[in-house]
């Protein structure tokens, strides 16, 4: 449950949740296994697993959700191999070329034949709503996964007025300033040993640096040629290591012992889960607040543009 990659969204000020209706709304989109002819299926499952059947785990005004996705594994290479064999048989038996339209039909028939036999793979995306701070934070490995989460949540709730987390100052400019020492690293943050530099010119090169002293002459030389920092390893208050990207996604989070020691120990798994969730959610929200301050605050002109209302 400990989040590793953050996609951050701002909720509109008037957003609220009716606790009495929430479970019934989520049940409309609860997970059901893939049908034989379904390439994938997704839906809500209980965040606590076997410890609870509630589709939303609620703690101190925070709502935790778990989206399960089951996919049938049918690689295109396998499909193409079957199609090629069938095409070859037809061309040999009928002494003619198979047309493009016929090939497409053969491909459709092949998928219909193989899909029910395909193995399935499951993945989970967690996310929580902080209704007090008006934040939606999703733990997902890609923007596609985050979009699946927001789309399904919007479908179930009926409305999800959100905007991506934005800042007044351009993240790439700020990270570059911190690295070339034209501005000091903001309070609460320290620079790590990893960064990605990009030449802003069209088709410009990318330099990835790992386990390096980012204050070295080598890095300074790259920055002096105009390269911008579009990814930077940072540590927040000695509690969370992460990599900040220029699109304000937070990746590869690692929680330090200093933070983990703050979690209360419980023999009961449900109580332990709740304690961990409370600690994690509070820490991540505070991290986001400090990030916003470090980047000049959130951009009000963007924050007011609530997207994807439905």
C-alpha atoms as a PDB file:
ATOM      1  CA  UNK A   1       0.000   0.000   0.000  1.00  0.00           C
ATOM      2  CA  UNK A   2       2.938   2.366   0.521  1.00  0.00           C
ATOM      3  CA  UNK A   3       2.858   4.599  -2.550  1.00  0.00           C
ATOM      4  CA  UNK A   4       5.900   4.567  -4.847  1.00  0.00           C
ATOM      5  CA  UNK A   5       4.889   6.829  -7.767  1.00  0.00           C
ATOM      6  CA  UNK A   6       2.593   9.822  -7.438  1.00  0.00           C
ATOM      7  CA  UNK A   7       0.227  11.409  -9.917  1.00  0.00           C
ATOM      8  CA  UNK A   8      -1.194  14.457  -8.150  1.00  0.00           C
ATOM      9  CA  UNK A   9      -4.465  16.269  -8.847  1.00  0.00           C
ATOM     10  CA  UNK A  10      -6.231  19.230  -7.287  1.00  0.00           C
ATOM     11  CA  UNK A  11      -9.952  18.844  -6.517  1.00  0.00           C
ATOM     12  CA  UNK A  12     -12.342  21.745  -6.963  1.00  0.00           C
ATOM     13  CA  UNK A  13     -13.273  23.613  -3.787  1.00  0.00           C
ATOM     14  CA  UNK A  14     -16.900  22.481  -3.952  1.00  0.00           C
ATOM     15  CA  UNK A  15     -16.105  18.766  -4.222  1.00  0.00           C
ATOM     16  CA  UNK A  16     -17.548  16.582  -1.468  1.00  0.00           C
ATOM     17  CA  UNK A  17     -18.405  12.942  -0.822  1.00  0.00           C
ATOM     18  CA  UNK A  18     -21.594  11.595   0.725  1.00  0.00           C
ATOM     19  CA  UNK A  19     -20.337   8.767   2.936  1.00  0.00           C
ATOM     20  CA  UNK A  20     -23.796   7.203   3.129  1.00  0.00           C
ATOM     21  CA  UNK A  21     -23.893   6.697  -0.646  1.00  0.00           C
ATOM     22  CA  UNK A  22     -20.233   6.033  -1.378  1.00  0.00           C
ATOM     23  CA  UNK A  23     -20.234   2.229  -1.080  1.00  0.00           C
ATOM     24  CA  UNK A  24     -23.304   1.822  -3.278  1.00  0.00           C
ATOM     25  CA  UNK A  25     -21.744   4.096  -5.911  1.00  0.00           C
ATOM     26  CA  UNK A  26     -18.497   2.130  -5.898  1.00  0.00           C
ATOM     27  CA  UNK A  27     -20.356  -1.178  -6.112  1.00  0.00           C
ATOM     28  CA  UNK A  28     -21.570  -0.121  -9.559  1.00  0.00           C
ATOM     29  CA  UNK A  29     -17.960  -0.381 -10.692  1.00  0.00           C
ATOM     30  CA  UNK A  30     -16.695  -3.214  -8.495  1.00  0.00           C
ATOM     31  CA  UNK A  31     -14.273  -5.688 -10.012  1.00  0.00           C
ATOM     32  CA  UNK A  32     -15.558  -8.650 -12.001  1.00  0.00           C
ATOM     33  CA  UNK A  33     -13.207 -11.218 -13.567  1.00  0.00           C
ATOM     34  CA  UNK A  34     -12.546 -11.106 -17.301  1.00  0.00           C
ATOM     35  CA  UNK A  35     -15.161 -12.786 -19.429  1.00  0.00           C
ATOM     36  CA  UNK A  36     -13.873 -15.274 -21.978  1.00  0.00           C
ATOM     37  CA  UNK A  37     -13.990 -12.715 -24.770  1.00  0.00           C
ATOM     38  CA  UNK A  38     -12.855  -9.698 -22.722  1.00  0.00           C
ATOM     39  CA  UNK A  39      -9.270  -8.488 -23.259  1.00  0.00           C
ATOM     40  CA  UNK A  40      -9.358  -6.865 -19.811  1.00  0.00           C
ATOM     41  CA  UNK A  41     -11.597  -6.026 -16.877  1.00  0.00           C
ATOM     42  CA  UNK A  42     -11.178  -3.442 -14.135  1.00  0.00           C
ATOM     43  CA  UNK A  43     -13.057  -2.430 -11.018  1.00  0.00           C
ATOM     44  CA  UNK A  44     -12.836  -1.607  -7.326  1.00  0.00           C
ATOM     45  CA  UNK A  45     -11.718  -4.105  -4.710  1.00  0.00           C
ATOM     46  CA  UNK A  46     -11.371  -3.693  -0.950  1.00  0.00           C
ATOM     47  CA  UNK A  47      -8.093  -1.874  -0.146  1.00  0.00           C
ATOM     48  CA  UNK A  48      -7.680  -4.034   2.972  1.00  0.00           C
ATOM     49  CA  UNK A  49      -8.082  -7.252   0.998  1.00  0.00           C
ATOM     50  CA  UNK A  50      -9.461 -10.088   3.111  1.00  0.00           C
ATOM     51  CA  UNK A  51      -9.483  -7.889   6.214  1.00  0.00           C
ATOM     52  CA  UNK A  52     -12.552  -5.968   4.996  1.00  0.00           C
ATOM     53  CA  UNK A  53     -15.181  -5.989   2.267  1.00  0.00           C
ATOM     54  CA  UNK A  54     -15.458  -2.188   2.154  1.00  0.00           C
ATOM     55  CA  UNK A  55     -14.529  -0.729  -1.245  1.00  0.00           C
ATOM     56  CA  UNK A  56     -13.368   2.525   0.371  1.00  0.00           C
ATOM     57  CA  UNK A  57     -11.109   2.671   3.405  1.00  0.00           C
ATOM     58  CA  UNK A  58     -11.919   5.899   5.257  1.00  0.00           C
ATOM     59  CA  UNK A  59      -9.573   7.414   7.818  1.00  0.00           C
ATOM     60  CA  UNK A  60      -9.608  10.991   9.146  1.00  0.00           C
ATOM     61  CA  UNK A  61     -11.304  12.410   6.050  1.00  0.00           C
ATOM     62  CA  UNK A  62      -9.097  10.481   3.626  1.00  0.00           C
ATOM     63  CA  UNK A  63     -10.627   7.947   1.252  1.00  0.00           C
ATOM     64  CA  UNK A  64      -8.437   5.116  -0.027  1.00  0.00           C
ATOM     65  CA  UNK A  65      -9.441   3.131  -3.127  1.00  0.00           C
ATOM     66  CA  UNK A  66      -7.915   0.128  -4.894  1.00  0.00           C
ATOM     67  CA  UNK A  67      -8.525  -0.446  -8.608  1.00  0.00           C
ATOM     68  CA  UNK A  68      -7.854  -3.973  -9.849  1.00  0.00           C
ATOM     69  CA  UNK A  69      -7.170  -4.634 -13.524  1.00  0.00           C
ATOM     70  CA  UNK A  70      -7.137  -8.120 -14.997  1.00  0.00           C
ATOM     71  CA  UNK A  71      -5.708  -8.484 -18.502  1.00  0.00           C
ATOM     72  CA  UNK A  72      -5.590 -11.429 -20.858  1.00  0.00           C
ATOM     73  CA  UNK A  73      -2.051 -12.000 -22.120  1.00  0.00           C
ATOM     74  CA  UNK A  74      -2.192 -12.390 -25.880  1.00  0.00           C
ATOM     75  CA  UNK A  75       1.039 -11.035 -27.410  1.00  0.00           C
ATOM     76  CA  UNK A  76       0.811  -9.636 -30.927  1.00  0.00           C
ATOM     77  CA  UNK A  77       3.710 -11.900 -31.953  1.00  0.00           C
ATOM     78  CA  UNK A  78       1.607 -14.965 -31.114  1.00  0.00           C
ATOM     79  CA  UNK A  79      -1.375 -13.628 -33.055  1.00  0.00           C
ATOM     80  CA  UNK A  80       0.797 -12.798 -36.064  1.00  0.00           C
ATOM     81  CA  UNK A  81       2.328 -16.272 -36.049  1.00  0.00           C
ATOM     82  CA  UNK A  82      -1.078 -17.965 -36.098  1.00  0.00           C
ATOM     83  CA  UNK A  83      -2.325 -15.599 -38.808  1.00  0.00           C
ATOM     84  CA  UNK A  84       0.753 -16.234 -40.968  1.00  0.00           C
ATOM     85  CA  UNK A  85       0.241 -20.002 -40.721  1.00  0.00           C
ATOM     86  CA  UNK A  86      -3.419 -19.750 -41.730  1.00  0.00           C
ATOM     87  CA  UNK A  87      -2.615 -17.407 -44.616  1.00  0.00           C
ATOM     88  CA  UNK A  88       0.088 -19.772 -45.846  1.00  0.00           C
ATOM     89  CA  UNK A  89      -2.337 -22.728 -45.848  1.00  0.00           C
ATOM     90  CA  UNK A  90      -4.973 -20.796 -47.811  1.00  0.00           C
ATOM     91  CA  UNK A  91      -2.470 -19.542 -50.381  1.00  0.00           C
ATOM     92  CA  UNK A  92      -1.033 -23.021 -50.925  1.00  0.00           C
ATOM     93  CA  UNK A  93      -4.385 -24.818 -51.099  1.00  0.00           C
ATOM     94  CA  UNK A  94      -6.117 -22.225 -53.273  1.00  0.00           C
ATOM     95  CA  UNK A  95      -3.062 -21.079 -55.242  1.00  0.00           C
ATOM     96  CA  UNK A  96      -3.806 -17.382 -54.748  1.00  0.00           C
ATOM     97  CA  UNK A  97      -2.812 -14.385 -52.643  1.00  0.00           C
ATOM     98  CA  UNK A  98      -4.829 -13.592 -49.534  1.00  0.00           C
ATOM     99  CA  UNK A  99      -6.224 -10.059 -49.686  1.00  0.00           C
ATOM    100  CA  UNK A 100      -5.739  -7.466 -46.943  1.00  0.00           C
ATOM    101  CA  UNK A 101      -9.429  -7.676 -46.039  1.00  0.00           C
ATOM    102  CA  UNK A 102      -9.198 -11.461 -45.729  1.00  0.00           C
ATOM    103  CA  UNK A 103      -6.082 -11.163 -43.584  1.00  0.00           C
ATOM    104  CA  UNK A 104      -7.893  -8.774 -41.209  1.00  0.00           C
ATOM    105  CA  UNK A 105     -10.790 -11.220 -40.975  1.00  0.00           C
ATOM    106  CA  UNK A 106      -8.387 -14.076 -40.245  1.00  0.00           C
ATOM    107  CA  UNK A 107      -6.764 -11.961 -37.532  1.00  0.00           C
ATOM    108  CA  UNK A 108     -10.139 -11.236 -35.894  1.00  0.00           C
ATOM    109  CA  UNK A 109     -11.034 -14.937 -35.976  1.00  0.00           C
ATOM    110  CA  UNK A 110      -7.648 -15.836 -34.509  1.00  0.00           C
ATOM    111  CA  UNK A 111      -8.079 -13.408 -31.607  1.00  0.00           C
ATOM    112  CA  UNK A 112     -11.563 -14.802 -30.941  1.00  0.00           C
ATOM    113  CA  UNK A 113     -10.086 -18.314 -30.919  1.00  0.00           C
ATOM    114  CA  UNK A 114      -7.096 -17.572 -28.688  1.00  0.00           C
ATOM    115  CA  UNK A 115      -8.485 -14.988 -26.248  1.00  0.00           C
ATOM    116  CA  UNK A 116     -10.529 -17.402 -24.076  1.00  0.00           C
ATOM    117  CA  UNK A 117      -7.427 -19.611 -23.690  1.00  0.00           C
ATOM    118  CA  UNK A 118      -5.068 -16.786 -22.731  1.00  0.00           C
ATOM    119  CA  UNK A 119      -3.601 -16.520 -19.240  1.00  0.00           C
ATOM    120  CA  UNK A 120      -4.551 -13.488 -17.161  1.00  0.00           C
ATOM    121  CA  UNK A 121      -2.425 -11.029 -15.201  1.00  0.00           C
ATOM    122  CA  UNK A 122      -3.680  -8.755 -12.431  1.00  0.00           C
ATOM    123  CA  UNK A 123      -2.392  -5.367 -11.293  1.00  0.00           C
ATOM    124  CA  UNK A 124      -3.569  -2.881  -8.678  1.00  0.00           C
ATOM    125  CA  UNK A 125      -3.585   0.921  -8.590  1.00  0.00           C
ATOM    126  CA  UNK A 126      -4.199   2.658  -5.268  1.00  0.00           C
ATOM    127  CA  UNK A 127      -5.289   6.243  -4.804  1.00  0.00           C
ATOM    128  CA  UNK A 128      -6.647   8.414  -2.028  1.00  0.00           C
ATOM    129  CA  UNK A 129      -8.764  11.535  -1.769  1.00  0.00           C
ATOM    130  CA  UNK A 130      -7.906  14.096   0.907  1.00  0.00           C
ATOM    131  CA  UNK A 131     -11.151  16.040   1.140  1.00  0.00           C
ATOM    132  CA  UNK A 132      -9.734  18.596   3.583  1.00  0.00           C
ATOM    133  CA  UNK A 133      -6.754  19.514   1.389  1.00  0.00           C
ATOM    134  CA  UNK A 134      -8.704  18.884  -1.859  1.00  0.00           C
ATOM    135  CA  UNK A 135      -6.130  16.484  -3.257  1.00  0.00           C
ATOM    136  CA  UNK A 136      -6.334  13.260  -5.228  1.00  0.00           C
ATOM    137  CA  UNK A 137      -3.089  11.271  -5.117  1.00  0.00           C
ATOM    138  CA  UNK A 138      -2.730   8.149  -7.254  1.00  0.00           C
ATOM    139  CA  UNK A 139      -0.001   5.536  -6.988  1.00  0.00           C
ATOM    140  CA  UNK A 140       0.504   4.415 -10.580  1.00  0.00           C
ATOM    141  CA  UNK A 141       3.426   3.430 -12.761  1.00  0.00           C
ATOM    142  CA  UNK A 142       2.217   5.316 -15.835  1.00  0.00           C
ATOM    143  CA  UNK A 143      -0.093   8.135 -16.882  1.00  0.00           C
ATOM    144  CA  UNK A 144      -2.323   5.536 -18.583  1.00  0.00           C
ATOM    145  CA  UNK A 145      -2.859   3.753 -15.263  1.00  0.00           C
ATOM    146  CA  UNK A 146      -3.614   7.065 -13.544  1.00  0.00           C
ATOM    147  CA  UNK A 147      -6.117   7.967 -16.265  1.00  0.00           C
ATOM    148  CA  UNK A 148      -7.837   4.589 -15.878  1.00  0.00           C
ATOM    149  CA  UNK A 149      -8.170   5.301 -12.159  1.00  0.00           C
ATOM    150  CA  UNK A 150      -9.611   8.807 -12.539  1.00  0.00           C
ATOM    151  CA  UNK A 151     -11.932   7.729 -15.355  1.00  0.00           C
ATOM    152  CA  UNK A 152     -13.376   4.820 -13.375  1.00  0.00           C
ATOM    153  CA  UNK A 153     -13.742   6.890 -10.205  1.00  0.00           C
ATOM    154  CA  UNK A 154     -15.501   9.639 -12.166  1.00  0.00           C
ATOM    155  CA  UNK A 155     -17.815   7.072 -13.743  1.00  0.00           C
ATOM    156  CA  UNK A 156     -18.834   5.737 -10.320  1.00  0.00           C
ATOM    157  CA  UNK A 157     -19.114   9.044  -8.445  1.00  0.00           C
ATOM    158  CA  UNK A 158     -20.843  10.811 -11.337  1.00  0.00           C
ATOM    159  CA  UNK A 159     -18.394  13.723 -11.191  1.00  0.00           C
ATOM    160  CA  UNK A 160     -14.718  14.195 -10.432  1.00  0.00           C
ATOM    161  CA  UNK A 161     -13.675  17.830 -11.009  1.00  0.00           C
ATOM    162  CA  UNK A 162      -9.872  17.736 -11.000  1.00  0.00           C
ATOM    163  CA  UNK A 163      -6.875  19.522 -12.471  1.00  0.00           C
ATOM    164  CA  UNK A 164      -3.291  18.258 -12.577  1.00  0.00           C
ATOM    165  CA  UNK A 165      -1.076  19.656  -9.830  1.00  0.00           C
ATOM    166  CA  UNK A 166       0.669  22.760 -11.200  1.00  0.00           C
ATOM    167  CA  UNK A 167       3.057  25.434  -9.962  1.00  0.00           C
ATOM    168  CA  UNK A 168       3.728  29.107 -10.669  1.00  0.00           C
ATOM    169  CA  UNK A 169       7.383  28.461 -11.487  1.00  0.00           C
ATOM    170  CA  UNK A 170       8.412  26.033 -14.196  1.00  0.00           C
ATOM    171  CA  UNK A 171       9.756  22.906 -12.455  1.00  0.00           C
ATOM    172  CA  UNK A 172      12.620  22.472 -14.949  1.00  0.00           C
ATOM    173  CA  UNK A 173      13.771  26.067 -14.375  1.00  0.00           C
ATOM    174  CA  UNK A 174      13.597  25.715 -10.599  1.00  0.00           C
ATOM    175  CA  UNK A 175      15.427  22.386 -10.504  1.00  0.00           C
ATOM    176  CA  UNK A 176      18.100  23.838 -12.780  1.00  0.00           C
ATOM    177  CA  UNK A 177      18.483  26.829 -10.464  1.00  0.00           C
ATOM    178  CA  UNK A 178      18.861  24.573  -7.428  1.00  0.00           C
ATOM    179  CA  UNK A 179      21.513  22.516  -9.180  1.00  0.00           C
ATOM    180  CA  UNK A 180      23.607  25.372 -10.581  1.00  0.00           C
ATOM    181  CA  UNK A 181      23.428  27.085  -7.187  1.00  0.00           C
ATOM    182  CA  UNK A 182      21.843  30.264  -8.545  1.00  0.00           C
ATOM    183  CA  UNK A 183      19.166  29.532  -5.935  1.00  0.00           C
ATOM    184  CA  UNK A 184      19.579  27.555  -2.740  1.00  0.00           C
ATOM    185  CA  UNK A 185      17.697  24.290  -2.397  1.00  0.00           C
ATOM    186  CA  UNK A 186      14.412  25.072  -0.624  1.00  0.00           C
ATOM    187  CA  UNK A 187      13.993  24.459   3.092  1.00  0.00           C
ATOM    188  CA  UNK A 188      13.217  20.843   3.879  1.00  0.00           C
ATOM    189  CA  UNK A 189      14.805  19.443   0.716  1.00  0.00           C
ATOM    190  CA  UNK A 190      18.269  18.136  -0.061  1.00  0.00           C
ATOM    191  CA  UNK A 191      19.611  17.204  -3.491  1.00  0.00           C
ATOM    192  CA  UNK A 192      20.409  13.547  -4.141  1.00  0.00           C
ATOM    193  CA  UNK A 193      22.868  11.895  -6.521  1.00  0.00           C
ATOM    194  CA  UNK A 194      20.761  11.527  -9.649  1.00  0.00           C
ATOM    195  CA  UNK A 195      19.431  13.811 -12.364  1.00  0.00           C
ATOM    196  CA  UNK A 196      18.438  13.941 -16.009  1.00  0.00           C
ATOM    197  CA  UNK A 197      19.548  16.865 -18.164  1.00  0.00           C
ATOM    198  CA  UNK A 198      17.914  17.806 -21.436  1.00  0.00           C
ATOM    199  CA  UNK A 199      19.017  20.159 -24.189  1.00  0.00           C
ATOM    200  CA  UNK A 200      16.008  22.469 -24.779  1.00  0.00           C
ATOM    201  CA  UNK A 201      16.769  22.654 -28.509  1.00  0.00           C
ATOM    202  CA  UNK A 202      14.572  20.608 -30.811  1.00  0.00           C
ATOM    203  CA  UNK A 203      15.856  17.019 -30.915  1.00  0.00           C
ATOM    204  CA  UNK A 204      18.309  17.992 -28.174  1.00  0.00           C
ATOM    205  CA  UNK A 205      20.243  15.313 -26.333  1.00  0.00           C
ATOM    206  CA  UNK A 206      19.523  13.815 -22.920  1.00  0.00           C
ATOM    207  CA  UNK A 207      22.138  13.056 -20.270  1.00  0.00           C
ATOM    208  CA  UNK A 208      21.283  10.730 -17.378  1.00  0.00           C
ATOM    209  CA  UNK A 209      23.461  10.928 -14.288  1.00  0.00           C
ATOM    210  CA  UNK A 210      23.350   8.421 -11.419  1.00  0.00           C
ATOM    211  CA  UNK A 211      25.386   8.078  -8.248  1.00  0.00           C
ATOM    212  CA  UNK A 212      27.247  11.292  -8.992  1.00  0.00           C
ATOM    213  CA  UNK A 213      28.086  14.422  -7.057  1.00  0.00           C
ATOM    214  CA  UNK A 214      25.640  16.785  -8.740  1.00  0.00           C
ATOM    215  CA  UNK A 215      27.703  19.795  -7.658  1.00  0.00           C
ATOM    216  CA  UNK A 216      30.692  18.560  -9.692  1.00  0.00           C
ATOM    217  CA  UNK A 217      32.380  20.498 -12.495  1.00  0.00           C
ATOM    218  CA  UNK A 218      31.049  17.953 -14.990  1.00  0.00           C
ATOM    219  CA  UNK A 219      27.424  18.764 -14.146  1.00  0.00           C
ATOM    220  CA  UNK A 220      28.195  22.482 -14.011  1.00  0.00           C
ATOM    221  CA  UNK A 221      29.662  22.225 -17.505  1.00  0.00           C
ATOM    222  CA  UNK A 222      26.469  20.697 -18.891  1.00  0.00           C
ATOM    223  CA  UNK A 223      24.340  23.358 -17.216  1.00  0.00           C
ATOM    224  CA  UNK A 224      26.550  26.145 -18.571  1.00  0.00           C
ATOM    225  CA  UNK A 225      25.703  25.025 -22.120  1.00  0.00           C
ATOM    226  CA  UNK A 226      22.016  25.634 -21.454  1.00  0.00           C
ATOM    227  CA  UNK A 227      20.837  22.168 -20.531  1.00  0.00           C
ATOM    228  CA  UNK A 228      17.816  22.005 -18.227  1.00  0.00           C
ATOM    229  CA  UNK A 229      17.144  19.625 -15.359  1.00  0.00           C
ATOM    230  CA  UNK A 230      13.987  17.668 -16.094  1.00  0.00           C
ATOM    231  CA  UNK A 231      14.442  15.029 -13.376  1.00  0.00           C
ATOM    232  CA  UNK A 232      16.117  15.437 -10.003  1.00  0.00           C
ATOM    233  CA  UNK A 233      16.589  13.137  -7.009  1.00  0.00           C
ATOM    234  CA  UNK A 234      15.590  14.860  -3.772  1.00  0.00           C
ATOM    235  CA  UNK A 235      15.112  14.003  -0.117  1.00  0.00           C
ATOM    236  CA  UNK A 236      12.320  15.601   1.906  1.00  0.00           C
ATOM    237  CA  UNK A 237      12.982  16.267   5.600  1.00  0.00           C
ATOM    238  CA  UNK A 238      15.175  13.150   5.852  1.00  0.00           C
ATOM    239  CA  UNK A 239      11.991  11.076   5.573  1.00  0.00           C
ATOM    240  CA  UNK A 240      11.275  10.463   1.880  1.00  0.00           C
ATOM    241  CA  UNK A 241      13.664   9.951  -1.049  1.00  0.00           C
ATOM    242  CA  UNK A 242      12.149  10.530  -4.499  1.00  0.00           C
ATOM    243  CA  UNK A 243      12.739  11.706  -8.059  1.00  0.00           C
ATOM    244  CA  UNK A 244      10.872  14.836  -9.159  1.00  0.00           C
ATOM    245  CA  UNK A 245      10.032  15.184 -12.862  1.00  0.00           C
ATOM    246  CA  UNK A 246       9.367  18.377 -14.782  1.00  0.00           C
ATOM    247  CA  UNK A 247       5.705  17.337 -15.172  1.00  0.00           C
ATOM    248  CA  UNK A 248       5.428  17.294 -11.349  1.00  0.00           C
ATOM    249  CA  UNK A 249       5.078  13.552 -11.067  1.00  0.00           C
ATOM    250  CA  UNK A 250       6.933  12.062  -8.114  1.00  0.00           C
ATOM    251  CA  UNK A 251       8.618   8.749  -8.868  1.00  0.00           C
ATOM    252  CA  UNK A 252      10.604   6.002  -7.129  1.00  0.00           C
ATOM    253  CA  UNK A 253       9.682   6.943  -3.584  1.00  0.00           C
ATOM    254  CA  UNK A 254      11.636   5.356  -0.748  1.00  0.00           C
ATOM    255  CA  UNK A 255      10.625   5.914   2.862  1.00  0.00           C
ATOM    256  CA  UNK A 256      13.455   6.307   5.355  1.00  0.00           C
ATOM    257  CA  UNK A 257      13.753   4.640   8.745  1.00  0.00           C
ATOM    258  CA  UNK A 258      13.125   8.030  10.330  1.00  0.00           C
ATOM    259  CA  UNK A 259       9.615   8.006   8.870  1.00  0.00           C
ATOM    260  CA  UNK A 260       8.852   4.301   9.240  1.00  0.00           C
ATOM    261  CA  UNK A 261       9.719   4.402  12.938  1.00  0.00           C
ATOM    262  CA  UNK A 262       6.798   6.777  13.441  1.00  0.00           C
ATOM    263  CA  UNK A 263       4.293   4.081  12.481  1.00  0.00           C
ATOM    264  CA  UNK A 264       2.593   2.448  15.453  1.00  0.00           C
ATOM    265  CA  UNK A 265       2.870  -1.328  15.762  1.00  0.00           C
ATOM    266  CA  UNK A 266      -0.358  -3.333  15.924  1.00  0.00           C
ATOM    267  CA  UNK A 267      -0.916  -7.067  16.010  1.00  0.00           C
ATOM    268  CA  UNK A 268      -4.239  -6.615  14.242  1.00  0.00           C
ATOM    269  CA  UNK A 269      -3.609  -6.339  10.476  1.00  0.00           C
ATOM    270  CA  UNK A 270      -6.492  -3.942   9.887  1.00  0.00           C
ATOM    271  CA  UNK A 271      -5.286  -1.585  12.622  1.00  0.00           C
ATOM    272  CA  UNK A 272      -1.739  -1.756  11.245  1.00  0.00           C
ATOM    273  CA  UNK A 273      -2.990  -0.967   7.751  1.00  0.00           C
ATOM    274  CA  UNK A 274      -4.915   2.039   9.056  1.00  0.00           C
ATOM    275  CA  UNK A 275      -1.929   3.327  11.047  1.00  0.00           C
ATOM    276  CA  UNK A 276       0.346   2.995   8.021  1.00  0.00           C
ATOM    277  CA  UNK A 277      -2.186   4.708   5.772  1.00  0.00           C
ATOM    278  CA  UNK A 278      -2.582   7.619   8.187  1.00  0.00           C
ATOM    279  CA  UNK A 279       1.184   8.109   8.407  1.00  0.00           C
ATOM    280  CA  UNK A 280       1.751   7.771   4.668  1.00  0.00           C
ATOM    281  CA  UNK A 281      -1.114  10.029   3.598  1.00  0.00           C
ATOM    282  CA  UNK A 282      -0.177  12.772   6.066  1.00  0.00           C
ATOM    283  CA  UNK A 283       3.479  12.628   5.009  1.00  0.00           C
ATOM    284  CA  UNK A 284       2.712  12.723   1.279  1.00  0.00           C
ATOM    285  CA  UNK A 285       0.296  15.636   1.644  1.00  0.00           C
ATOM    286  CA  UNK A 286       2.915  17.587   3.624  1.00  0.00           C
ATOM    287  CA  UNK A 287       5.526  16.743   0.989  1.00  0.00           C
ATOM    288  CA  UNK A 288       3.231  18.105  -1.729  1.00  0.00           C
ATOM    289  CA  UNK A 289       2.622  21.286   0.277  1.00  0.00           C
ATOM    290  CA  UNK A 290       6.369  21.858   0.608  1.00  0.00           C
ATOM    291  CA  UNK A 291       6.884  21.109  -3.090  1.00  0.00           C
ATOM    292  CA  UNK A 292       4.265  23.689  -3.999  1.00  0.00           C
ATOM    293  CA  UNK A 293       5.998  26.285  -1.792  1.00  0.00           C
ATOM    294  CA  UNK A 294       9.382  25.413  -3.305  1.00  0.00           C
ATOM    295  CA  UNK A 295       7.971  26.070  -6.776  1.00  0.00           C
ATOM    296  CA  UNK A 296       6.404  29.419  -5.943  1.00  0.00           C
ATOM    297  CA  UNK A 297       3.012  28.058  -4.947  1.00  0.00           C
ATOM    298  CA  UNK A 298       0.308  26.552  -7.104  1.00  0.00           C
ATOM    299  CA  UNK A 299      -0.711  28.351 -10.276  1.00  0.00           C
ATOM    300  CA  UNK A 300      -4.202  29.746  -9.559  1.00  0.00           C
ATOM    301  CA  UNK A 301      -4.920  30.350 -13.243  1.00  0.00           C
ATOM    302  CA  UNK A 302      -4.552  26.617 -13.884  1.00  0.00           C
ATOM    303  CA  UNK A 303      -6.092  25.422 -10.634  1.00  0.00           C
ATOM    304  CA  UNK A 304      -9.354  27.198 -11.468  1.00  0.00           C
ATOM    305  CA  UNK A 305      -9.630  25.375 -14.784  1.00  0.00           C
ATOM    306  CA  UNK A 306     -11.371  22.272 -13.489  1.00  0.00           C
ATOM    307  CA  UNK A 307     -11.042  19.612 -16.146  1.00  0.00           C
ATOM    308  CA  UNK A 308     -13.036  16.539 -16.981  1.00  0.00           C
ATOM    309  CA  UNK A 309     -16.226  17.579 -15.244  1.00  0.00           C
ATOM    310  CA  UNK A 310     -19.035  15.144 -15.865  1.00  0.00           C
END
